[in-house]
Amino acid sequence: MLDALVTSKTRVKLLLKFFLNSNTTSWLRDLEHEFGDSSNAIRLELNRFEAAGMLQSFSRGNKKIYRANTGHPLFEDIHNLVMKYIGIDRVVDKVISKIGELHSAYLTGDFARGKDSPVVDLLLVGENIDRVYLSNLVEKGEKMIDRKIRYMILHPSEINNYLYEVNNALLLWQKDKNG
């Protein structure tokens, strides 16, 4: 879907990199290595995004570091579009409704670092999770989004230690504290 709207593969990679997880930062040479694209193609797209106000940059030593401009009026719309592109919105909606006492759901792995991947890594935090139902949902979700889904279930008492150990975890959903 996204690659039909945005014809530049480099632009799609940059959208995933910066708009999936707004905490992601990177510089030109790192992106060149990660994407396998020429530095000129990446620089051109970075300059376009920065000129449009969608990316911000700052200097760290001799590197120009980029990150998403979360204050941009279209940030939330682009973030939601990227989430829909990888199919996470549908997976989370399906899982939450009947899974058990789910407290929160996190995206981890490559997608949390802003990298496209054939595997979606989810961290589910809750109690009394219906693992059989979850397994069936994962199987259906994989067909729906045409990606593999790998998940881990933690008890709420374990989450703080896990989040301390893992570098990137993007909160997707959290139970309303009132209900």
N, C-alpha and C. Protein backbone atom coordinates (compact mmCIF):
# COMPACT_ATOMS: atom_id res chain seq x y z
N MET A 1 0.82 -1.19 0.00
CA MET A 1 0.00 0.00 0.00
C MET A 1 0.87 1.25 0.00
N LEU A 2 1.78 1.35 0.95
CA LEU A 2 2.61 2.54 1.07
C LEU A 2 3.52 2.70 -0.14
N ASP A 3 4.05 1.57 -0.64
CA ASP A 3 4.93 1.66 -1.80
C ASP A 3 4.17 1.99 -3.08
N ALA A 4 2.85 1.84 -3.08
CA ALA A 4 2.06 2.27 -4.23
C ALA A 4 1.87 3.79 -4.20
N LEU A 5 1.76 4.36 -3.00
CA LEU A 5 1.61 5.81 -2.86
C LEU A 5 2.93 6.54 -2.99
N VAL A 6 3.98 5.94 -2.43
CA VAL A 6 5.30 6.55 -2.43
C VAL A 6 6.19 5.68 -3.30
N THR A 7 6.57 6.20 -4.44
CA THR A 7 7.29 5.38 -5.42
C THR A 7 8.77 5.23 -5.12
N SER A 8 9.35 6.09 -4.33
CA SER A 8 10.76 5.97 -3.99
C SER A 8 10.93 4.97 -2.85
N LYS A 9 11.67 3.89 -3.11
CA LYS A 9 11.92 2.89 -2.08
C LYS A 9 12.73 3.48 -0.93
N THR A 10 13.63 4.39 -1.23
CA THR A 10 14.40 5.05 -0.19
C THR A 10 13.49 5.88 0.70
N ARG A 11 12.54 6.57 0.11
CA ARG A 11 11.59 7.37 0.88
C ARG A 11 10.74 6.50 1.81
N VAL A 12 10.30 5.34 1.31
CA VAL A 12 9.52 4.41 2.14
C VAL A 12 10.37 3.94 3.31
N LYS A 13 11.64 3.59 3.06
CA LYS A 13 12.53 3.14 4.13
C LYS A 13 12.72 4.24 5.18
N LEU A 14 12.84 5.48 4.74
CA LEU A 14 13.00 6.60 5.68
C LEU A 14 11.73 6.82 6.48
N LEU A 15 10.58 6.70 5.85
CA LEU A 15 9.31 6.83 6.58
C LEU A 15 9.20 5.77 7.68
N LEU A 16 9.54 4.53 7.33
CA LEU A 16 9.52 3.46 8.32
C LEU A 16 10.53 3.73 9.44
N LYS A 17 11.70 4.15 9.04
CA LYS A 17 12.79 4.37 10.01
C LYS A 17 12.42 5.43 11.04
N PHE A 18 11.90 6.56 10.59
CA PHE A 18 11.71 7.69 11.49
C PHE A 18 10.28 7.84 12.03
N PHE A 19 9.29 7.34 11.32
CA PHE A 19 7.91 7.60 11.73
C PHE A 19 7.24 6.42 12.43
N LEU A 20 7.87 5.27 12.45
CA LEU A 20 7.34 4.16 13.22
C LEU A 20 7.62 4.39 14.70
N ASN A 21 8.86 4.72 15.02
CA ASN A 21 9.27 5.01 16.39
C ASN A 21 9.91 6.39 16.40
N SER A 22 9.24 7.37 16.97
CA SER A 22 9.72 8.75 16.92
C SER A 22 11.00 8.97 17.70
N ASN A 23 11.44 8.01 18.50
CA ASN A 23 12.70 8.14 19.24
C ASN A 23 13.91 7.76 18.40
N THR A 24 13.67 7.23 17.21
CA THR A 24 14.76 6.79 16.35
C THR A 24 15.54 7.98 15.82
N THR A 25 16.87 7.85 15.90
CA THR A 25 17.77 8.85 15.30
C THR A 25 18.76 8.10 14.43
N SER A 26 19.29 8.78 13.43
CA SER A 26 20.28 8.17 12.56
C SER A 26 21.00 9.24 11.77
N TRP A 27 22.11 8.87 11.14
CA TRP A 27 22.88 9.78 10.31
C TRP A 27 23.09 9.13 8.95
N LEU A 28 23.56 9.91 8.00
CA LEU A 28 23.64 9.50 6.60
C LEU A 28 24.39 8.19 6.40
N ARG A 29 25.59 8.07 6.91
CA ARG A 29 26.40 6.87 6.68
C ARG A 29 25.75 5.62 7.31
N ASP A 30 25.13 5.80 8.44
CA ASP A 30 24.44 4.69 9.09
C ASP A 30 23.27 4.23 8.21
N LEU A 31 22.53 5.19 7.66
CA LEU A 31 21.41 4.86 6.77
C LEU A 31 21.90 4.20 5.49
N GLU A 32 23.02 4.69 4.97
CA GLU A 32 23.60 4.11 3.75
C GLU A 32 23.93 2.64 3.99
N HIS A 33 24.53 2.35 5.12
CA HIS A 33 24.88 0.96 5.47
C HIS A 33 23.62 0.12 5.68
N GLU A 34 22.65 0.65 6.40
CA GLU A 34 21.43 -0.08 6.71
C GLU A 34 20.58 -0.36 5.48
N PHE A 35 20.41 0.65 4.63
CA PHE A 35 19.53 0.52 3.47
C PHE A 35 20.21 -0.14 2.27
N GLY A 36 21.53 -0.01 2.18
CA GLY A 36 22.23 -0.50 1.00
C GLY A 36 22.00 0.38 -0.22
N ASP A 37 21.60 1.63 0.02
CA ASP A 37 21.38 2.60 -1.05
C ASP A 37 22.56 3.56 -1.12
N SER A 38 22.65 4.31 -2.21
CA SER A 38 23.73 5.28 -2.33
C SER A 38 23.51 6.45 -1.38
N SER A 39 24.60 7.03 -0.92
CA SER A 39 24.49 8.17 0.00
C SER A 39 23.81 9.35 -0.67
N ASN A 40 24.00 9.52 -1.99
CA ASN A 40 23.35 10.63 -2.70
C ASN A 40 21.83 10.50 -2.70
N ALA A 41 21.33 9.28 -2.94
CA ALA A 41 19.88 9.06 -2.96
C ALA A 41 19.29 9.32 -1.57
N ILE A 42 19.98 8.85 -0.55
CA ILE A 42 19.50 9.04 0.83
C ILE A 42 19.56 10.51 1.22
N ARG A 43 20.68 11.16 0.89
CA ARG A 43 20.84 12.59 1.23
C ARG A 43 19.74 13.42 0.57
N LEU A 44 19.44 13.13 -0.69
CA LEU A 44 18.39 13.86 -1.41
C LEU A 44 17.05 13.75 -0.68
N GLU A 45 16.69 12.52 -0.26
CA GLU A 45 15.42 12.32 0.44
C GLU A 45 15.44 12.95 1.84
N LEU A 46 16.55 12.84 2.55
CA LEU A 46 16.67 13.48 3.86
C LEU A 46 16.48 14.98 3.73
N ASN A 47 17.11 15.58 2.72
CA ASN A 47 16.98 17.02 2.50
C ASN A 47 15.53 17.41 2.20
N ARG A 48 14.84 16.59 1.42
CA ARG A 48 13.43 16.87 1.11
C ARG A 48 12.58 16.82 2.37
N PHE A 49 12.76 15.76 3.17
CA PHE A 49 11.99 15.63 4.42
C PHE A 49 12.31 16.77 5.38
N GLU A 50 13.58 17.16 5.45
CA GLU A 50 13.96 18.24 6.36
C GLU A 50 13.40 19.57 5.87
N ALA A 51 13.45 19.83 4.57
CA ALA A 51 12.91 21.07 4.01
C ALA A 51 11.40 21.17 4.23
N ALA A 52 10.72 20.02 4.24
CA ALA A 52 9.27 19.99 4.47
C ALA A 52 8.94 20.07 5.96
N GLY A 53 9.96 20.05 6.80
CA GLY A 53 9.75 20.14 8.24
C GLY A 53 9.36 18.82 8.88
N MET A 54 9.44 17.72 8.14
CA MET A 54 9.06 16.41 8.67
C MET A 54 10.18 15.76 9.47
N LEU A 55 11.42 16.14 9.17
CA LEU A 55 12.58 15.67 9.93
C LEU A 55 13.28 16.86 10.54
N GLN A 56 13.87 16.64 11.69
CA GLN A 56 14.72 17.62 12.34
C GLN A 56 16.13 17.07 12.33
N SER A 57 17.11 17.96 12.39
CA SER A 57 18.49 17.50 12.46
C SER A 57 19.25 18.29 13.51
N PHE A 58 20.30 17.67 14.00
CA PHE A 58 21.21 18.32 14.94
C PHE A 58 22.58 17.71 14.73
N SER A 59 23.60 18.40 15.20
CA SER A 59 24.97 17.92 15.04
C SER A 59 25.44 17.23 16.29
N ARG A 60 26.14 16.13 16.08
CA ARG A 60 26.81 15.42 17.16
C ARG A 60 28.20 15.11 16.63
N GLY A 61 29.17 15.88 17.11
CA GLY A 61 30.51 15.77 16.55
C GLY A 61 30.47 16.25 15.11
N ASN A 62 30.98 15.42 14.20
CA ASN A 62 30.95 15.80 12.78
C ASN A 62 29.79 15.13 12.03
N LYS A 63 28.83 14.58 12.77
CA LYS A 63 27.69 13.90 12.15
C LYS A 63 26.43 14.76 12.25
N LYS A 64 25.67 14.74 11.18
CA LYS A 64 24.36 15.37 11.19
C LYS A 64 23.35 14.28 11.48
N ILE A 65 22.70 14.38 12.64
CA ILE A 65 21.77 13.36 13.11
C ILE A 65 20.34 13.80 12.78
N TYR A 66 19.54 12.86 12.28
CA TYR A 66 18.15 13.14 11.90
C TYR A 66 17.20 12.40 12.83
N ARG A 67 16.02 13.00 13.01
CA ARG A 67 14.92 12.35 13.73
C ARG A 67 13.61 12.97 13.24
N ALA A 68 12.52 12.26 13.50
CA ALA A 68 11.20 12.75 13.09
C ALA A 68 10.85 14.00 13.88
N ASN A 69 10.19 14.91 13.22
CA ASN A 69 9.69 16.11 13.88
C ASN A 69 8.28 15.79 14.39
N THR A 70 8.20 15.44 15.67
CA THR A 70 6.91 15.05 16.24
C THR A 70 5.95 16.23 16.35
N GLY A 71 6.46 17.43 16.19
CA GLY A 71 5.61 18.61 16.21
C GLY A 71 5.01 18.95 14.86
N HIS A 72 5.41 18.24 13.83
CA HIS A 72 4.89 18.50 12.49
C HIS A 72 3.40 18.16 12.47
N PRO A 73 2.57 18.97 11.81
CA PRO A 73 1.11 18.74 11.81
C PRO A 73 0.70 17.37 11.23
N LEU A 74 1.53 16.78 10.39
CA LEU A 74 1.19 15.49 9.79
C LEU A 74 1.86 14.31 10.49
N PHE A 75 2.60 14.56 11.56
CA PHE A 75 3.34 13.47 12.19
C PHE A 75 2.42 12.30 12.57
N GLU A 76 1.36 12.57 13.30
CA GLU A 76 0.46 11.49 13.74
C GLU A 76 -0.15 10.75 12.56
N ASP A 77 -0.52 11.50 11.52
CA ASP A 77 -1.11 10.87 10.33
C ASP A 77 -0.10 9.94 9.64
N ILE A 78 1.13 10.41 9.52
CA ILE A 78 2.16 9.58 8.88
C ILE A 78 2.48 8.37 9.75
N HIS A 79 2.57 8.59 11.06
CA HIS A 79 2.82 7.47 11.99
C HIS A 79 1.71 6.42 11.85
N ASN A 80 0.46 6.84 11.82
CA ASN A 80 -0.66 5.91 11.68
C ASN A 80 -0.62 5.19 10.33
N LEU A 81 -0.25 5.90 9.29
CA LEU A 81 -0.14 5.29 7.96
C LEU A 81 0.94 4.21 7.95
N VAL A 82 2.07 4.49 8.57
CA VAL A 82 3.15 3.51 8.65
C VAL A 82 2.71 2.30 9.48
N MET A 83 2.00 2.54 10.57
CA MET A 83 1.50 1.43 11.39
C MET A 83 0.54 0.56 10.58
N LYS A 84 -0.31 1.18 9.79
CA LYS A 84 -1.24 0.43 8.95
C LYS A 84 -0.48 -0.34 7.87
N TYR A 85 0.57 0.27 7.34
CA TYR A 85 1.37 -0.37 6.30
C TYR A 85 1.95 -1.70 6.79
N ILE A 86 2.45 -1.72 8.00
CA ILE A 86 3.03 -2.97 8.49
C ILE A 86 1.98 -3.88 9.14
N GLY A 87 0.77 -3.37 9.35
CA GLY A 87 -0.34 -4.20 9.80
C GLY A 87 -0.49 -4.32 11.30
N ILE A 88 0.28 -3.58 12.05
CA ILE A 88 0.25 -3.72 13.50
C ILE A 88 -1.08 -3.27 14.08
N ASP A 89 -1.69 -2.26 13.53
CA ASP A 89 -2.96 -1.78 14.07
C ASP A 89 -4.01 -2.89 14.07
N ARG A 90 -4.05 -3.68 13.01
CA ARG A 90 -5.04 -4.76 12.91
C ARG A 90 -4.72 -5.89 13.88
N VAL A 91 -3.45 -6.21 14.02
CA VAL A 91 -3.05 -7.29 14.93
C VAL A 91 -3.44 -6.93 16.36
N VAL A 92 -3.10 -5.73 16.80
CA VAL A 92 -3.37 -5.32 18.18
C VAL A 92 -4.87 -5.27 18.44
N ASP A 93 -5.64 -4.70 17.51
CA ASP A 93 -7.09 -4.64 17.70
C ASP A 93 -7.70 -6.03 17.87
N LYS A 94 -7.26 -6.99 17.07
CA LYS A 94 -7.79 -8.35 17.16
C LYS A 94 -7.40 -9.01 18.47
N VAL A 95 -6.16 -8.84 18.87
CA VAL A 95 -5.64 -9.51 20.05
C VAL A 95 -6.30 -9.00 21.33
N ILE A 96 -6.46 -7.72 21.45
CA ILE A 96 -6.89 -7.10 22.70
C ILE A 96 -8.30 -7.53 23.10
N SER A 97 -9.17 -7.69 22.15
CA SER A 97 -10.58 -7.89 22.47
C SER A 97 -10.88 -9.13 23.31
N LYS A 98 -10.19 -10.24 23.09
CA LYS A 98 -10.59 -11.49 23.77
C LYS A 98 -9.42 -12.26 24.37
N ILE A 99 -8.32 -11.65 24.58
CA ILE A 99 -7.11 -12.38 24.94
C ILE A 99 -7.00 -12.76 26.41
N GLY A 100 -7.62 -12.02 27.29
CA GLY A 100 -7.45 -12.22 28.72
C GLY A 100 -7.21 -10.87 29.37
N GLU A 101 -6.49 -10.87 30.46
CA GLU A 101 -6.23 -9.63 31.19
C GLU A 101 -4.96 -8.96 30.66
N LEU A 102 -5.06 -8.40 29.48
CA LEU A 102 -3.91 -7.73 28.86
C LEU A 102 -3.75 -6.34 29.45
N HIS A 103 -2.53 -6.03 29.89
CA HIS A 103 -2.23 -4.72 30.48
C HIS A 103 -1.61 -3.78 29.45
N SER A 104 -0.72 -4.33 28.60
CA SER A 104 -0.07 -3.50 27.59
C SER A 104 0.50 -4.38 26.49
N ALA A 105 0.75 -3.75 25.35
CA ALA A 105 1.36 -4.43 24.21
C ALA A 105 2.45 -3.52 23.64
N TYR A 106 3.61 -4.12 23.39
CA TYR A 106 4.76 -3.38 22.88
C TYR A 106 5.22 -3.98 21.56
N LEU A 107 5.76 -3.14 20.72
CA LEU A 107 6.44 -3.56 19.51
C LEU A 107 7.92 -3.58 19.85
N THR A 108 8.61 -4.67 19.55
CA THR A 108 10.05 -4.76 19.80
C THR A 108 10.74 -5.20 18.51
N GLY A 109 12.01 -5.47 18.57
CA GLY A 109 12.73 -5.98 17.41
C GLY A 109 12.99 -4.91 16.37
N ASP A 110 13.12 -5.36 15.12
CA ASP A 110 13.50 -4.46 14.02
C ASP A 110 12.52 -3.31 13.83
N PHE A 111 11.23 -3.58 13.88
CA PHE A 111 10.26 -2.51 13.66
C PHE A 111 10.36 -1.42 14.72
N ALA A 112 10.64 -1.79 15.96
CA ALA A 112 10.79 -0.80 17.02
C ALA A 112 12.02 0.07 16.78
N ARG A 113 12.98 -0.45 16.02
CA ARG A 113 14.17 0.32 15.66
C ARG A 113 13.98 1.07 14.34
N GLY A 114 12.79 0.94 13.75
CA GLY A 114 12.50 1.64 12.51
C GLY A 114 12.98 0.91 11.27
N LYS A 115 13.21 -0.39 11.37
CA LYS A 115 13.66 -1.18 10.22
C LYS A 115 12.52 -2.08 9.75
N ASP A 116 12.33 -2.14 8.45
CA ASP A 116 11.32 -3.04 7.90
C ASP A 116 11.80 -4.47 8.12
N SER A 117 10.87 -5.37 8.30
CA SER A 117 11.22 -6.75 8.60
C SER A 117 10.07 -7.67 8.21
N PRO A 118 10.38 -8.91 7.86
CA PRO A 118 9.30 -9.87 7.60
C PRO A 118 8.70 -10.42 8.89
N VAL A 119 9.29 -10.04 10.04
CA VAL A 119 8.82 -10.54 11.33
C VAL A 119 8.40 -9.37 12.22
N VAL A 120 7.21 -9.47 12.79
CA VAL A 120 6.72 -8.49 13.76
C VAL A 120 6.90 -9.08 15.14
N ASP A 121 7.70 -8.41 15.98
CA ASP A 121 7.93 -8.88 17.35
C ASP A 121 7.03 -8.11 18.30
N LEU A 122 6.21 -8.85 19.04
CA LEU A 122 5.30 -8.24 20.00
C LEU A 122 5.63 -8.72 21.41
N LEU A 123 5.50 -7.83 22.35
CA LEU A 123 5.63 -8.15 23.76
C LEU A 123 4.28 -7.86 24.40
N LEU A 124 3.66 -8.88 24.95
CA LEU A 124 2.35 -8.75 25.58
C LEU A 124 2.52 -8.87 27.08
N VAL A 125 1.96 -7.93 27.81
CA VAL A 125 2.06 -7.92 29.26
C VAL A 125 0.67 -8.13 29.84
N GLY A 126 0.52 -9.18 30.63
CA GLY A 126 -0.79 -9.43 31.21
C GLY A 126 -0.81 -10.66 32.09
N GLU A 127 -2.01 -11.00 32.50
CA GLU A 127 -2.23 -12.16 33.36
C GLU A 127 -3.33 -13.02 32.74
N ASN A 128 -3.25 -14.30 33.00
CA ASN A 128 -4.27 -15.24 32.52
C ASN A 128 -4.51 -15.11 31.02
N ILE A 129 -3.45 -14.99 30.26
CA ILE A 129 -3.54 -14.87 28.81
C ILE A 129 -3.94 -16.23 28.23
N ASP A 130 -4.94 -16.22 27.38
CA ASP A 130 -5.41 -17.44 26.72
C ASP A 130 -4.46 -17.74 25.56
N ARG A 131 -3.50 -18.62 25.82
CA ARG A 131 -2.44 -18.90 24.85
C ARG A 131 -2.95 -19.62 23.60
N VAL A 132 -3.95 -20.46 23.75
CA VAL A 132 -4.52 -21.15 22.60
C VAL A 132 -5.20 -20.14 21.69
N TYR A 133 -6.00 -19.27 22.27
CA TYR A 133 -6.67 -18.23 21.50
C TYR A 133 -5.64 -17.30 20.84
N LEU A 134 -4.59 -16.94 21.59
CA LEU A 134 -3.53 -16.08 21.06
C LEU A 134 -2.85 -16.74 19.87
N SER A 135 -2.56 -18.02 19.99
CA SER A 135 -1.91 -18.74 18.90
C SER A 135 -2.77 -18.73 17.64
N ASN A 136 -4.07 -18.93 17.80
CA ASN A 136 -4.99 -18.86 16.65
C ASN A 136 -5.02 -17.46 16.04
N LEU A 137 -5.03 -16.45 16.90
CA LEU A 137 -5.03 -15.07 16.42
C LEU A 137 -3.75 -14.74 15.66
N VAL A 138 -2.65 -15.20 16.17
CA VAL A 138 -1.36 -14.95 15.52
C VAL A 138 -1.36 -15.57 14.13
N GLU A 139 -1.86 -16.79 14.03
CA GLU A 139 -1.92 -17.46 12.73
C GLU A 139 -2.77 -16.66 11.74
N LYS A 140 -3.93 -16.20 12.19
CA LYS A 140 -4.80 -15.39 11.32
C LYS A 140 -4.15 -14.04 11.00
N GLY A 141 -3.53 -13.44 12.01
CA GLY A 141 -2.88 -12.15 11.81
C GLY A 141 -1.75 -12.22 10.80
N GLU A 142 -0.99 -13.31 10.84
CA GLU A 142 0.11 -13.48 9.89
C GLU A 142 -0.40 -13.49 8.45
N LYS A 143 -1.53 -14.16 8.24
CA LYS A 143 -2.11 -14.19 6.89
C LYS A 143 -2.63 -12.81 6.49
N MET A 144 -3.20 -12.10 7.46
CA MET A 144 -3.78 -10.78 7.19
C MET A 144 -2.71 -9.76 6.79
N ILE A 145 -1.56 -9.81 7.45
CA ILE A 145 -0.53 -8.79 7.19
C ILE A 145 0.63 -9.32 6.36
N ASP A 146 0.60 -10.60 6.01
CA ASP A 146 1.64 -11.23 5.20
C ASP A 146 3.04 -11.06 5.81
N ARG A 147 3.10 -11.24 7.12
CA ARG A 147 4.36 -11.21 7.88
C ARG A 147 4.26 -12.23 8.99
N LYS A 148 5.37 -12.71 9.45
CA LYS A 148 5.40 -13.60 10.61
C LYS A 148 5.28 -12.76 11.88
N ILE A 149 4.63 -13.32 12.90
CA ILE A 149 4.47 -12.63 14.18
C ILE A 149 5.11 -13.50 15.26
N ARG A 150 6.04 -12.89 15.97
CA ARG A 150 6.70 -13.57 17.08
C ARG A 150 6.31 -12.80 18.35
N TYR A 151 5.93 -13.52 19.38
CA TYR A 151 5.47 -12.83 20.58
C TYR A 151 6.08 -13.41 21.84
N MET A 152 6.08 -12.58 22.87
CA MET A 152 6.52 -12.98 24.20
C MET A 152 5.47 -12.46 25.17
N ILE A 153 5.16 -13.27 26.17
CA ILE A 153 4.19 -12.86 27.19
C ILE A 153 4.92 -12.70 28.51
N LEU A 154 4.73 -11.56 29.14
CA LEU A 154 5.31 -11.30 30.46
C LEU A 154 4.21 -10.97 31.45
N HIS A 155 4.43 -11.34 32.69
CA HIS A 155 3.56 -10.94 33.79
C HIS A 155 3.86 -9.46 34.08
N PRO A 156 2.88 -8.68 34.51
CA PRO A 156 3.12 -7.26 34.80
C PRO A 156 4.30 -7.02 35.75
N SER A 157 4.57 -7.94 36.65
CA SER A 157 5.68 -7.76 37.59
C SER A 157 7.04 -7.89 36.91
N GLU A 158 7.09 -8.44 35.69
CA GLU A 158 8.36 -8.65 34.98
C GLU A 158 8.70 -7.54 33.99
N ILE A 159 7.75 -6.69 33.67
CA ILE A 159 7.94 -5.75 32.56
C ILE A 159 9.04 -4.73 32.80
N ASN A 160 9.14 -4.18 33.99
CA ASN A 160 10.15 -3.15 34.22
C ASN A 160 11.56 -3.68 34.03
N ASN A 161 11.84 -4.89 34.52
CA ASN A 161 13.16 -5.49 34.31
C ASN A 161 13.42 -5.74 32.83
N TYR A 162 12.41 -6.20 32.11
CA TYR A 162 12.59 -6.47 30.68
C TYR A 162 12.84 -5.18 29.91
N LEU A 163 12.05 -4.15 30.17
CA LEU A 163 12.22 -2.89 29.45
C LEU A 163 13.58 -2.27 29.76
N TYR A 164 14.10 -2.52 30.93
CA TYR A 164 15.43 -2.01 31.28
C TYR A 164 16.50 -2.70 30.44
N GLU A 165 16.30 -3.99 30.14
CA GLU A 165 17.28 -4.78 29.38
C GLU A 165 17.21 -4.54 27.86
N VAL A 166 16.03 -4.30 27.35
CA VAL A 166 15.85 -4.19 25.90
C VAL A 166 16.04 -2.73 25.47
N ASN A 167 16.67 -2.53 24.31
CA ASN A 167 16.96 -1.18 23.85
C ASN A 167 15.73 -0.45 23.31
N ASN A 168 14.96 -1.14 22.54
CA ASN A 168 13.81 -0.49 21.88
C ASN A 168 12.54 -1.27 22.14
N ALA A 169 11.60 -0.61 22.74
CA ALA A 169 10.26 -1.17 22.91
C ALA A 169 9.29 -0.01 22.73
N LEU A 170 8.43 -0.15 21.77
CA LEU A 170 7.48 0.90 21.42
C LEU A 170 6.10 0.51 21.94
N LEU A 171 5.57 1.28 22.87
CA LEU A 171 4.25 0.99 23.44
C LEU A 171 3.19 1.16 22.36
N LEU A 172 2.44 0.09 22.11
CA LEU A 172 1.36 0.11 21.10
C LEU A 172 0.00 0.34 21.73
N TRP A 173 -0.18 -0.26 22.90
CA TRP A 173 -1.49 -0.22 23.55
C TRP A 173 -1.28 -0.39 25.05
N GLN A 174 -2.10 0.32 25.82
CA GLN A 174 -2.06 0.17 27.27
C GLN A 174 -3.48 0.26 27.80
N LYS A 175 -3.78 -0.63 28.74
CA LYS A 175 -5.10 -0.66 29.35
C LYS A 175 -5.37 0.66 30.05
N ASP A 176 -6.56 1.15 29.87
CA ASP A 176 -6.97 2.38 30.54
C ASP A 176 -6.94 2.14 32.03
N LYS A 177 -6.30 3.03 32.77
CA LYS A 177 -6.15 2.85 34.21
C LYS A 177 -7.48 2.89 34.96
N ASN A 178 -8.49 3.44 34.34
CA ASN A 178 -9.81 3.52 34.97
C ASN A 178 -10.65 2.27 34.73
N GLY A 179 -10.21 1.43 33.85
CA GLY A 179 -11.06 0.27 33.55
C GLY A 179 -10.31 -0.75 32.87
